[in-house]
N, C-alpha and C. Protein backbone atom coordinates (compact mmCIF):
# COMPACT_ATOMS: atom_id res chain seq x y z
N MET A 1 13.57 -11.95 -7.24
CA MET A 1 15.10 -11.99 -7.55
C MET A 1 15.93 -11.91 -6.21
N ASP A 2 15.24 -10.81 -5.15
CA ASP A 2 16.19 -10.82 -3.84
C ASP A 2 15.97 -11.96 -3.02
N LYS A 3 14.90 -12.62 -3.15
CA LYS A 3 15.01 -13.69 -2.28
C LYS A 3 15.77 -14.88 -2.93
N LEU A 4 15.93 -14.99 -3.95
CA LEU A 4 16.89 -16.06 -4.78
C LEU A 4 18.26 -15.71 -4.26
N GLU A 5 18.30 -14.37 -4.44
CA GLU A 5 19.74 -14.02 -4.25
C GLU A 5 20.10 -14.36 -2.53
N ASN A 6 19.25 -13.89 -1.84
CA ASN A 6 19.32 -13.96 -0.37
C ASN A 6 19.62 -15.61 0.01
N THR A 7 18.83 -16.43 -0.67
CA THR A 7 18.93 -17.70 -0.47
C THR A 7 20.31 -18.22 -0.70
N LYS A 8 20.86 -18.01 -1.96
CA LYS A 8 22.09 -18.22 -2.58
C LYS A 8 23.31 -17.97 -1.56
N ASP A 9 23.14 -16.48 -1.03
CA ASP A 9 24.17 -15.85 -0.09
C ASP A 9 24.07 -16.68 1.20
N LYS A 10 22.89 -17.22 1.54
CA LYS A 10 22.73 -17.72 3.08
C LYS A 10 23.54 -19.11 2.88
N ALA A 11 23.18 -20.02 1.70
CA ALA A 11 23.83 -21.14 1.45
C ALA A 11 25.64 -20.94 1.34
N VAL A 12 25.82 -20.06 0.81
CA VAL A 12 27.34 -19.81 0.83
C VAL A 12 27.88 -19.31 1.84
N GLY A 13 27.25 -18.57 2.78
CA GLY A 13 27.82 -18.51 4.17
C GLY A 13 27.80 -19.68 4.93
N LYS A 14 26.75 -20.27 5.00
CA LYS A 14 26.99 -21.67 5.46
C LYS A 14 28.28 -22.35 5.10
N ALA A 15 28.48 -22.65 3.64
CA ALA A 15 29.35 -23.19 3.41
C ALA A 15 30.83 -22.61 3.80
N VAL A 16 30.94 -21.18 3.78
CA VAL A 16 32.30 -20.56 4.30
C VAL A 16 32.33 -20.83 5.76
N GLU A 17 31.29 -20.87 6.51
CA GLU A 17 31.50 -20.87 7.95
C GLU A 17 31.77 -22.50 8.03
N ALA A 18 31.28 -23.52 7.31
CA ALA A 18 31.86 -25.00 7.59
C ALA A 18 33.24 -24.84 7.31
N ALA A 19 33.63 -24.31 6.17
CA ALA A 19 34.94 -24.32 5.91
C ALA A 19 36.10 -23.86 6.81
N GLY A 20 35.35 -22.74 7.62
CA GLY A 20 36.33 -22.20 8.62
C GLY A 20 36.55 -23.03 9.81
N LYS A 21 35.40 -23.79 10.16
CA LYS A 21 35.33 -24.74 11.24
C LYS A 21 36.26 -25.70 10.93
N LEU A 22 36.16 -26.52 9.77
CA LEU A 22 36.87 -27.48 9.36
C LEU A 22 38.48 -27.28 9.29
N THR A 23 38.76 -26.00 8.95
CA THR A 23 40.24 -25.60 8.86
C THR A 23 40.61 -25.02 10.07
N LYS A 24 39.76 -24.71 10.93
CA LYS A 24 39.94 -23.95 12.32
C LYS A 24 40.43 -22.81 11.84
N ASP A 25 40.01 -22.01 10.96
CA ASP A 25 40.16 -20.62 10.51
C ASP A 25 38.92 -19.79 10.99
N GLN A 26 39.07 -18.94 12.15
CA GLN A 26 38.12 -18.38 13.21
C GLN A 26 37.70 -17.20 12.00
N GLU A 27 38.54 -16.82 11.17
CA GLU A 27 38.30 -15.45 10.48
C GLU A 27 37.02 -16.01 9.63
N LEU A 28 37.47 -17.07 8.72
CA LEU A 28 36.68 -17.52 7.63
C LEU A 28 35.20 -17.76 8.26
N GLU A 29 35.34 -18.67 9.39
CA GLU A 29 34.25 -18.94 10.00
C GLU A 29 33.16 -17.84 10.22
N PHE A 30 33.87 -16.81 11.11
CA PHE A 30 33.16 -15.52 11.17
C PHE A 30 32.46 -14.87 9.93
N THR A 31 33.22 -14.78 8.91
CA THR A 31 32.73 -14.35 7.65
C THR A 31 31.62 -15.18 7.12
N GLY A 32 31.69 -16.31 7.25
CA GLY A 32 30.43 -17.36 6.96
C GLY A 32 29.26 -17.11 7.94
N LYS A 33 29.56 -16.77 9.22
CA LYS A 33 28.45 -16.55 10.07
C LYS A 33 27.77 -14.93 9.73
N PHE A 34 28.80 -14.05 9.51
CA PHE A 34 28.39 -12.63 9.29
C PHE A 34 27.53 -12.64 7.85
N ARG A 35 27.87 -13.65 6.93
CA ARG A 35 27.13 -13.38 5.56
C ARG A 35 25.86 -13.96 5.58
N GLN A 36 25.62 -15.11 6.54
CA GLN A 36 24.38 -15.49 6.89
C GLN A 36 23.46 -14.57 7.82
N MET A 37 23.99 -13.81 8.53
CA MET A 37 23.39 -12.80 9.38
C MET A 37 22.75 -11.68 8.37
N THR A 38 23.89 -11.20 7.49
CA THR A 38 23.32 -10.02 6.69
C THR A 38 22.02 -10.35 5.90
N THR A 39 22.17 -11.63 5.34
CA THR A 39 21.00 -12.37 4.43
C THR A 39 19.80 -12.08 5.47
N GLU A 40 19.72 -12.65 6.45
CA GLU A 40 18.56 -12.68 7.49
C GLU A 40 18.12 -11.22 7.54
N VAL A 41 18.91 -10.35 7.78
CA VAL A 41 18.68 -8.82 8.04
C VAL A 41 17.88 -8.48 6.55
N LYS A 42 18.54 -8.61 5.48
CA LYS A 42 17.92 -8.28 4.33
C LYS A 42 16.32 -9.15 4.13
N ASP A 43 16.29 -10.11 4.35
CA ASP A 43 15.04 -10.89 4.45
C ASP A 43 14.01 -9.84 5.42
N LYS A 44 14.50 -9.88 6.46
CA LYS A 44 13.44 -9.03 7.27
C LYS A 44 13.04 -7.78 6.88
N PHE A 45 14.19 -7.08 6.36
CA PHE A 45 13.95 -5.70 5.62
C PHE A 45 12.99 -5.63 4.52
N HIS A 46 13.11 -6.74 3.53
CA HIS A 46 12.10 -6.84 2.37
C HIS A 46 11.05 -7.36 3.05
N SER A 47 10.66 -8.02 3.92
CA SER A 47 9.45 -8.26 4.53
C SER A 47 8.65 -6.96 5.14
N VAL A 48 9.32 -6.25 5.95
CA VAL A 48 9.02 -5.10 6.45
C VAL A 48 8.45 -4.10 5.27
N LYS A 49 9.35 -4.28 4.54
CA LYS A 49 9.01 -3.13 3.26
C LYS A 49 7.84 -3.27 2.51
N GLU A 50 7.57 -4.75 2.21
CA GLU A 50 6.44 -5.13 1.53
C GLU A 50 5.17 -5.01 2.41
N ASP A 51 5.40 -5.21 3.79
CA ASP A 51 4.22 -4.76 4.53
C ASP A 51 3.94 -3.26 4.70
N VAL A 52 4.81 -2.52 4.55
CA VAL A 52 4.51 -1.09 4.45
C VAL A 52 3.90 -0.76 3.14
N PHE A 53 4.55 -1.19 2.04
CA PHE A 53 3.73 -0.97 1.00
C PHE A 53 2.39 -1.35 0.81
N GLN A 54 2.13 -2.57 1.20
CA GLN A 54 0.91 -3.20 1.50
C GLN A 54 -0.09 -2.32 2.07
N GLU A 55 0.48 -1.78 3.40
CA GLU A 55 -0.58 -1.15 4.32
C GLU A 55 -0.76 0.31 3.49
N ALA A 56 0.12 0.68 2.90
CA ALA A 56 0.11 2.13 2.32
C ALA A 56 -0.95 2.04 1.24
N ASN A 57 -0.76 0.88 0.16
CA ASN A 57 -1.93 0.65 -0.67
C ASN A 57 -3.31 0.46 -0.20
N ASN A 58 -3.45 -0.27 0.95
CA ASN A 58 -4.79 -0.30 1.61
C ASN A 58 -5.30 1.16 2.08
N MET A 59 -4.48 1.73 2.52
CA MET A 59 -4.89 3.27 2.98
C MET A 59 -5.32 3.94 1.98
N ILE A 60 -4.69 3.79 0.81
CA ILE A 60 -4.93 4.60 -0.54
C ILE A 60 -6.40 4.14 -0.87
N ASP A 61 -6.65 2.86 -1.03
CA ASP A 61 -7.72 2.12 -1.44
C ASP A 61 -9.00 2.61 -0.68
N ARG A 62 -8.76 2.65 0.69
CA ARG A 62 -9.96 3.10 1.80
C ARG A 62 -10.29 4.33 1.47
N SER A 63 -9.48 5.34 1.32
CA SER A 63 -9.38 6.66 1.13
C SER A 63 -10.20 6.90 -0.35
N LYS A 64 -9.89 6.21 -1.44
CA LYS A 64 -10.69 6.31 -2.64
C LYS A 64 -12.12 5.85 -2.35
N GLY A 65 -12.16 4.95 -1.56
CA GLY A 65 -13.48 4.18 -1.35
C GLY A 65 -14.39 5.34 -0.62
N LYS A 66 -13.97 6.08 0.42
CA LYS A 66 -14.65 7.08 1.18
C LYS A 66 -14.82 8.20 0.20
N THR A 67 -13.89 8.68 -0.54
CA THR A 67 -14.14 9.66 -1.68
C THR A 67 -15.28 9.56 -2.48
N GLN A 68 -15.25 8.33 -3.07
CA GLN A 68 -16.40 7.93 -3.71
C GLN A 68 -17.60 7.81 -3.14
N SER A 69 -17.67 7.28 -2.02
CA SER A 69 -18.88 7.18 -1.17
C SER A 69 -19.25 8.63 -0.88
N MET A 70 -18.53 9.63 -0.61
CA MET A 70 -18.88 10.98 -0.13
C MET A 70 -19.35 11.50 -1.30
N GLU A 71 -19.06 11.29 -2.57
CA GLU A 71 -19.54 11.99 -3.90
C GLU A 71 -20.64 11.35 -3.95
N LYS A 72 -21.06 10.19 -3.80
CA LYS A 72 -22.23 9.55 -4.28
C LYS A 72 -23.39 10.11 -3.25
N ASN A 73 -22.98 10.31 -1.94
CA ASN A 73 -23.87 10.90 -0.85
C ASN A 73 -24.45 12.32 -1.15
N GLN A 74 -23.14 13.14 -1.76
CA GLN A 74 -23.43 14.55 -2.20
C GLN A 74 -24.37 14.58 -3.45
N SER A 75 -24.37 13.77 -4.12
CA SER A 75 -24.93 13.69 -5.55
C SER A 75 -26.69 13.37 -5.11
N LYS A 76 -26.84 12.35 -4.07
CA LYS A 76 -27.95 11.96 -3.70
C LYS A 76 -28.94 13.27 -2.97
N GLU A 77 -28.10 13.93 -1.95
CA GLU A 77 -28.61 15.01 -1.35
C GLU A 77 -28.92 16.13 -2.35
N GLN A 78 -28.38 16.23 -3.28
CA GLN A 78 -28.48 17.29 -4.20
C GLN A 78 -29.78 17.04 -5.26
N ASN A 79 -30.04 15.69 -5.19
CA ASN A 79 -31.14 15.18 -6.12
C ASN A 79 -32.49 15.11 -5.32
N GLN A 80 -32.06 14.90 -4.01
CA GLN A 80 -33.09 14.78 -3.13
C GLN A 80 -33.79 16.45 -2.76
N SER A 81 -32.79 17.18 -2.82
CA SER A 81 -33.32 18.73 -2.46
C SER A 81 -33.78 19.40 -3.56
N MET A 82 -33.46 18.99 -4.81
CA MET A 82 -34.16 19.40 -5.93
C MET A 82 -35.49 18.88 -6.00
N GLY A 83 -35.74 17.64 -5.75
CA GLY A 83 -36.89 16.81 -5.64
C GLY A 83 -38.18 17.44 -4.50
N ASN A 84 -37.59 18.22 -3.48
CA ASN A 84 -38.26 18.49 -2.49
C ASN A 84 -38.84 20.09 -2.63
N LYS A 85 -38.86 20.55 -3.94
CA LYS A 85 -39.52 21.69 -4.17
C LYS A 85 -41.23 21.59 -4.09
N SER A 86 -41.86 22.83 -3.49
CA SER A 86 -43.32 22.60 -3.23
C SER A 86 -43.83 22.56 -4.57
N SER A 87 -44.93 22.28 -4.58
CA SER A 87 -45.81 21.88 -5.80
C SER A 87 -45.98 23.31 -6.51
N THR A 88 -46.35 24.38 -5.85
CA THR A 88 -46.28 25.60 -6.49
C THR A 88 -45.18 26.07 -7.31
N GLU A 89 -43.84 25.80 -6.65
CA GLU A 89 -42.70 26.09 -7.40
C GLU A 89 -42.50 25.26 -8.56
N LYS A 90 -43.03 23.82 -8.68
CA LYS A 90 -42.65 23.11 -9.67
C LYS A 90 -43.82 23.53 -10.73
N ASN A 91 -44.97 24.07 -10.33
CA ASN A 91 -45.65 24.23 -11.51
C ASN A 91 -45.86 25.55 -12.20
N GLN A 92 -44.79 26.63 -11.44
CA GLN A 92 -44.61 27.80 -11.87
C GLN A 92 -43.63 28.01 -12.88
N PRO A 93 -44.17 28.61 -14.12
CA PRO A 93 -42.71 28.60 -15.08
C PRO A 93 -41.77 29.63 -14.68
N ASN A 94 -40.59 29.47 -15.10
CA ASN A 94 -39.44 30.16 -14.95
C ASN A 94 -39.90 31.55 -15.69
N GLU A 95 -39.44 32.66 -14.83
CA GLU A 95 -39.50 34.06 -15.46
C GLU A 95 -37.97 34.41 -15.90
N ARG A 96 -37.89 35.11 -17.06
CA ARG A 96 -36.82 35.62 -17.46
C ARG A 96 -36.63 36.99 -16.68
N SER A 97 -35.38 37.51 -16.90
CA SER A 97 -35.00 38.55 -16.23
C SER A 97 -35.78 40.03 -16.80
N ASP A 98 -36.17 39.63 -18.09
CA ASP A 98 -36.94 40.92 -18.72
C ASP A 98 -38.35 40.72 -18.30
N GLY A 99 -38.80 39.63 -17.45
CA GLY A 99 -40.37 39.64 -17.19
C GLY A 99 -41.08 38.88 -18.15
N ARG A 100 -40.58 38.34 -19.21
CA ARG A 100 -41.28 37.42 -20.18
C ARG A 100 -41.06 35.97 -19.67
N LEU A 101 -41.83 35.02 -20.13
CA LEU A 101 -41.96 33.63 -19.84
C LEU A 101 -41.15 33.06 -20.64
């Protein structure tokens, strides 16, 4: 929507500038030029804003990927540490606190 509106405003600015030149009305000509320049500034602003949002989203995606990767590594480490018990530990039944099996 903004791009369409800016395109319209730029065209209107050109028309106003041309009308000012034709009628030798410097104020009208300046108004047309000013309108065109403001649309260019708006276009640049929107472009920068889109770039910032895109980069922010990329950073969020990368941080989510790192978090998921860290969680997977922690899970693997836990599984490996549980699998590294000695054979005597694996074969011994767990005793309860009252001494019974």
